[in-house]
């Protein structure tokens, strides 16, 4: 059986580093839409890291939490978008 621990750790660190690059877009975005999309992308990446960590540890709790964080980030993005359109 192949030990996948190095791959999980490498991919998780890569995703976290890419999330830090997206933080630049959140703080220095040219407009509010770019900032909202970058924040939503960070939410999805954090959820993905939690799912990967849950697979690495073999515990479904982290997978559930990762999915909940991703879903809440999506709901927040929809609410911000509706607010910007003036429908709320």
C-alpha atoms as a PDB file:
ATOM      1  CA  UNK A   1       0.000   0.000   0.000  1.00  0.00           C
ATOM      2  CA  UNK A   2       1.291   3.449  -0.924  1.00  0.00           C
ATOM      3  CA  UNK A   3       1.693   6.027   1.833  1.00  0.00           C
ATOM      4  CA  UNK A   4      -0.088   9.182   0.643  1.00  0.00           C
ATOM      5  CA  UNK A   5       0.884  11.385   3.566  1.00  0.00           C
ATOM      6  CA  UNK A   6       3.469  13.389   1.610  1.00  0.00           C
ATOM      7  CA  UNK A   7       1.016  14.095  -1.194  1.00  0.00           C
ATOM      8  CA  UNK A   8      -1.739  15.226   1.170  1.00  0.00           C
ATOM      9  CA  UNK A   9       0.606  17.497   3.082  1.00  0.00           C
ATOM     10  CA  UNK A  10       2.146  18.943  -0.099  1.00  0.00           C
ATOM     11  CA  UNK A  11      -1.236  19.684  -1.706  1.00  0.00           C
ATOM     12  CA  UNK A  12      -2.588  21.195   1.525  1.00  0.00           C
ATOM     13  CA  UNK A  13       0.413  23.497   1.883  1.00  0.00           C
ATOM     14  CA  UNK A  14       0.118  24.496  -1.783  1.00  0.00           C
ATOM     15  CA  UNK A  15      -3.572  25.361  -1.364  1.00  0.00           C
ATOM     16  CA  UNK A  16      -2.846  27.414   1.760  1.00  0.00           C
ATOM     17  CA  UNK A  17      -0.117  29.330  -0.077  1.00  0.00           C
ATOM     18  CA  UNK A  18      -2.495  30.038  -2.945  1.00  0.00           C
ATOM     19  CA  UNK A  19      -5.028  31.289  -0.414  1.00  0.00           C
ATOM     20  CA  UNK A  20      -2.480  33.776   0.848  1.00  0.00           C
ATOM     21  CA  UNK A  21      -2.026  34.996  -2.725  1.00  0.00           C
ATOM     22  CA  UNK A  22      -5.780  35.538  -2.928  1.00  0.00           C
ATOM     23  CA  UNK A  23      -5.595  37.692   0.190  1.00  0.00           C
ATOM     24  CA  UNK A  24      -3.822  40.288  -1.936  1.00  0.00           C
ATOM     25  CA  UNK A  25      -6.885  40.426  -4.191  1.00  0.00           C
ATOM     26  CA  UNK A  26      -9.174  40.739  -1.168  1.00  0.00           C
ATOM     27  CA  UNK A  27      -7.311  43.762   0.192  1.00  0.00           C
ATOM     28  CA  UNK A  28      -6.141  45.424  -3.053  1.00  0.00           C
ATOM     29  CA  UNK A  29      -8.898  44.412  -5.478  1.00  0.00           C
ATOM     30  CA  UNK A  30      -9.794  47.001  -8.096  1.00  0.00           C
ATOM     31  CA  UNK A  31     -13.502  46.715  -7.238  1.00  0.00           C
ATOM     32  CA  UNK A  32     -15.830  45.045  -4.764  1.00  0.00           C
ATOM     33  CA  UNK A  33     -16.753  42.176  -7.091  1.00  0.00           C
ATOM     34  CA  UNK A  34     -13.126  41.031  -7.314  1.00  0.00           C
ATOM     35  CA  UNK A  35     -12.877  41.137  -3.539  1.00  0.00           C
ATOM     36  CA  UNK A  36     -16.036  39.060  -3.076  1.00  0.00           C
ATOM     37  CA  UNK A  37     -14.903  36.442  -5.596  1.00  0.00           C
ATOM     38  CA  UNK A  38     -11.469  36.218  -3.966  1.00  0.00           C
ATOM     39  CA  UNK A  39     -13.032  35.796  -0.516  1.00  0.00           C
ATOM     40  CA  UNK A  40     -15.309  33.063  -1.850  1.00  0.00           C
ATOM     41  CA  UNK A  41     -12.326  31.319  -3.425  1.00  0.00           C
ATOM     42  CA  UNK A  42     -10.516  31.400  -0.094  1.00  0.00           C
ATOM     43  CA  UNK A  43     -13.563  29.840   1.585  1.00  0.00           C
ATOM     44  CA  UNK A  44     -13.603  27.032  -0.960  1.00  0.00           C
ATOM     45  CA  UNK A  45      -9.867  26.431  -0.560  1.00  0.00           C
ATOM     46  CA  UNK A  46     -10.131  26.287   3.234  1.00  0.00           C
ATOM     47  CA  UNK A  47     -12.970  23.795   2.908  1.00  0.00           C
ATOM     48  CA  UNK A  48     -10.849  21.741   0.522  1.00  0.00           C
ATOM     49  CA  UNK A  49      -7.926  21.702   2.951  1.00  0.00           C
ATOM     50  CA  UNK A  50     -10.253  20.519   5.706  1.00  0.00           C
ATOM     51  CA  UNK A  51     -11.595  17.743   3.472  1.00  0.00           C
ATOM     52  CA  UNK A  52      -8.044  16.692   2.599  1.00  0.00           C
ATOM     53  CA  UNK A  53      -7.087  16.708   6.265  1.00  0.00           C
ATOM     54  CA  UNK A  54     -10.148  14.592   7.059  1.00  0.00           C
ATOM     55  CA  UNK A  55      -9.106  12.073   4.408  1.00  0.00           C
ATOM     56  CA  UNK A  56      -5.549  12.069   5.744  1.00  0.00           C
ATOM     57  CA  UNK A  57      -6.645  11.517   9.341  1.00  0.00           C
ATOM     58  CA  UNK A  58      -9.489   9.154   8.420  1.00  0.00           C
ATOM     59  CA  UNK A  59     -12.105  11.155  10.336  1.00  0.00           C
ATOM     60  CA  UNK A  60     -15.344  12.288   8.791  1.00  0.00           C
ATOM     61  CA  UNK A  61     -15.740  15.210  11.213  1.00  0.00           C
ATOM     62  CA  UNK A  62     -13.254  17.334   9.253  1.00  0.00           C
ATOM     63  CA  UNK A  63     -14.959  16.459   5.982  1.00  0.00           C
ATOM     64  CA  UNK A  64     -18.312  17.606   7.350  1.00  0.00           C
ATOM     65  CA  UNK A  65     -16.812  20.820   8.715  1.00  0.00           C
ATOM     66  CA  UNK A  66     -15.099  21.535   5.407  1.00  0.00           C
ATOM     67  CA  UNK A  67     -18.366  21.137   3.543  1.00  0.00           C
ATOM     68  CA  UNK A  68     -20.182  23.373   6.039  1.00  0.00           C
ATOM     69  CA  UNK A  69     -17.535  26.109   5.736  1.00  0.00           C
ATOM     70  CA  UNK A  70     -17.764  25.962   1.945  1.00  0.00           C
ATOM     71  CA  UNK A  71     -21.566  26.130   2.034  1.00  0.00           C
ATOM     72  CA  UNK A  72     -21.571  29.086   4.441  1.00  0.00           C
ATOM     73  CA  UNK A  73     -19.048  30.889   2.240  1.00  0.00           C
ATOM     74  CA  UNK A  74     -21.296  30.376  -0.781  1.00  0.00           C
ATOM     75  CA  UNK A  75     -24.341  31.673   1.103  1.00  0.00           C
ATOM     76  CA  UNK A  76     -22.346  34.716   2.202  1.00  0.00           C
ATOM     77  CA  UNK A  77     -21.293  35.386  -1.383  1.00  0.00           C
ATOM     78  CA  UNK A  78     -24.886  35.177  -2.592  1.00  0.00           C
ATOM     79  CA  UNK A  79     -26.046  37.549   0.150  1.00  0.00           C
ATOM     80  CA  UNK A  80     -23.304  40.075  -0.610  1.00  0.00           C
ATOM     81  CA  UNK A  81     -24.109  39.884  -4.331  1.00  0.00           C
ATOM     82  CA  UNK A  82     -27.804  40.490  -3.707  1.00  0.00           C
ATOM     83  CA  UNK A  83     -26.946  43.413  -1.435  1.00  0.00           C
ATOM     84  CA  UNK A  84     -24.747  44.958  -4.111  1.00  0.00           C
ATOM     85  CA  UNK A  85     -27.556  44.596  -6.649  1.00  0.00           C
ATOM     86  CA  UNK A  86     -29.891  46.423  -4.277  1.00  0.00           C
ATOM     87  CA  UNK A  87     -32.345  43.561  -3.800  1.00  0.00           C
ATOM     88  CA  UNK A  88     -31.902  43.318  -0.042  1.00  0.00           C
END
